[in-house]
């Protein structure tokens, strides 16, 4: 795991700010201020790609449905296979809530 590359005071402050958000509406408000629409959509797209990859969809289907490039899909695949298991953790937790 390469989590250490993310460590730092500024990132701690950002993550603490995100963890302080109480509901989806607060997330919309905060991310509307802190990031561009494109940045937020890119993050959402990557999470959707991860979800579809773990569900067994093909790259072609994922590319068509999410409009993600094959490079993005490959990067997400690498993170799922060799990353810090962040996608796995979040996907499992979001599925538990449904």
Protein backbone atom coordinates (compact mmCIF):
# COMPACT_ATOMS: atom_id res chain seq x y z
CA UNK A 1 0.00 0.00 0.00
CA UNK A 2 1.20 3.48 -0.84
CA UNK A 3 -1.01 5.44 1.52
CA UNK A 4 2.02 7.25 2.95
CA UNK A 5 2.29 9.38 -0.21
CA UNK A 6 -1.01 10.99 0.82
CA UNK A 7 -0.01 11.91 4.34
CA UNK A 8 0.39 15.54 5.29
CA UNK A 9 -1.10 18.33 7.35
CA UNK A 10 -3.04 19.91 4.46
CA UNK A 11 -4.56 16.58 3.45
CA UNK A 12 -5.40 15.80 7.07
CA UNK A 13 -7.29 19.10 7.23
CA UNK A 14 -9.14 18.34 3.98
CA UNK A 15 -10.08 14.82 5.07
CA UNK A 16 -11.19 16.07 8.49
CA UNK A 17 -13.37 18.65 6.71
CA UNK A 18 -14.94 15.91 4.56
CA UNK A 19 -15.50 13.72 7.61
CA UNK A 20 -17.31 16.61 9.31
CA UNK A 21 -20.03 16.67 6.65
CA UNK A 22 -23.31 15.40 8.05
CA UNK A 23 -25.35 14.46 5.01
CA UNK A 24 -25.53 14.40 1.22
CA UNK A 25 -26.76 18.01 1.01
CA UNK A 26 -23.73 19.22 2.96
CA UNK A 27 -21.52 17.20 0.58
CA UNK A 28 -23.12 18.91 -2.42
CA UNK A 29 -22.56 22.33 -0.86
CA UNK A 30 -18.95 21.68 0.14
CA UNK A 31 -17.86 20.04 -3.11
CA UNK A 32 -19.61 22.76 -5.13
CA UNK A 33 -17.33 25.28 -3.41
CA UNK A 34 -14.08 23.30 -3.24
CA UNK A 35 -13.94 21.68 -6.68
CA UNK A 36 -15.03 22.27 -10.23
CA UNK A 37 -17.98 20.34 -11.60
CA UNK A 38 -15.55 18.45 -13.83
CA UNK A 39 -13.37 17.42 -10.89
CA UNK A 40 -16.33 16.14 -8.90
CA UNK A 41 -17.78 14.35 -11.92
CA UNK A 42 -14.39 12.74 -12.57
CA UNK A 43 -14.31 11.34 -9.03
CA UNK A 44 -17.88 10.10 -9.35
CA UNK A 45 -17.06 8.52 -12.70
CA UNK A 46 -14.07 6.64 -11.24
CA UNK A 47 -16.21 5.26 -8.44
CA UNK A 48 -18.83 4.13 -10.95
CA UNK A 49 -16.09 2.49 -13.04
CA UNK A 50 -14.82 0.68 -9.94
CA UNK A 51 -18.32 -0.52 -9.13
CA UNK A 52 -18.84 -1.83 -12.63
CA UNK A 53 -15.42 -3.50 -12.75
CA UNK A 54 -16.10 -5.33 -9.50
CA UNK A 55 -19.48 -6.40 -10.89
CA UNK A 56 -17.71 -7.98 -13.89
CA UNK A 57 -18.63 -5.57 -16.68
CA UNK A 58 -16.35 -5.42 -19.71
CA UNK A 59 -14.22 -2.38 -20.50
CA UNK A 60 -16.33 -1.78 -23.60
CA UNK A 61 -19.58 -1.70 -21.61
CA UNK A 62 -18.04 0.50 -18.91
CA UNK A 63 -16.65 2.89 -21.54
CA UNK A 64 -20.05 3.12 -23.21
CA UNK A 65 -22.09 3.61 -20.03
CA UNK A 66 -19.75 5.91 -18.09
CA UNK A 67 -17.98 7.70 -20.96
CA UNK A 68 -14.70 6.94 -19.16
CA UNK A 69 -11.61 6.48 -21.29
CA UNK A 70 -9.94 3.09 -21.42
CA UNK A 71 -6.96 4.73 -19.67
CA UNK A 72 -9.21 5.72 -16.75
CA UNK A 73 -10.76 2.27 -16.63
CA UNK A 74 -7.29 0.67 -16.64
CA UNK A 75 -6.09 2.98 -13.88
CA UNK A 76 -9.09 2.14 -11.72
CA UNK A 77 -8.53 -1.58 -12.43
CA UNK A 78 -4.90 -1.23 -11.25
CA UNK A 79 -6.08 0.49 -8.08
CA UNK A 80 -8.57 -2.28 -7.42
CA UNK A 81 -5.96 -4.98 -8.02
CA UNK A 82 -2.87 -3.39 -6.46
CA UNK A 83 -4.00 -0.30 -4.54
CA UNK A 84 -4.86 0.42 -0.93
CA UNK A 85 -8.26 -1.33 -1.08
CA UNK A 86 -10.04 2.00 -0.80
CA UNK A 87 -12.47 1.22 -3.61
CA UNK A 88 -13.24 -2.18 -2.08
CA UNK A 89 -13.88 -0.66 1.34
CA UNK A 90 -16.21 2.05 0.02
CA UNK A 91 -18.08 -0.21 -2.38
CA UNK A 92 -18.72 -2.77 0.35
CA UNK A 93 -19.98 -0.07 2.72
CA UNK A 94 -22.27 1.53 0.15
CA UNK A 95 -23.74 -1.86 -0.74
CA UNK A 96 -24.40 -2.56 2.96
CA UNK A 97 -26.52 0.61 3.19
CA UNK A 98 -28.87 -0.48 0.38
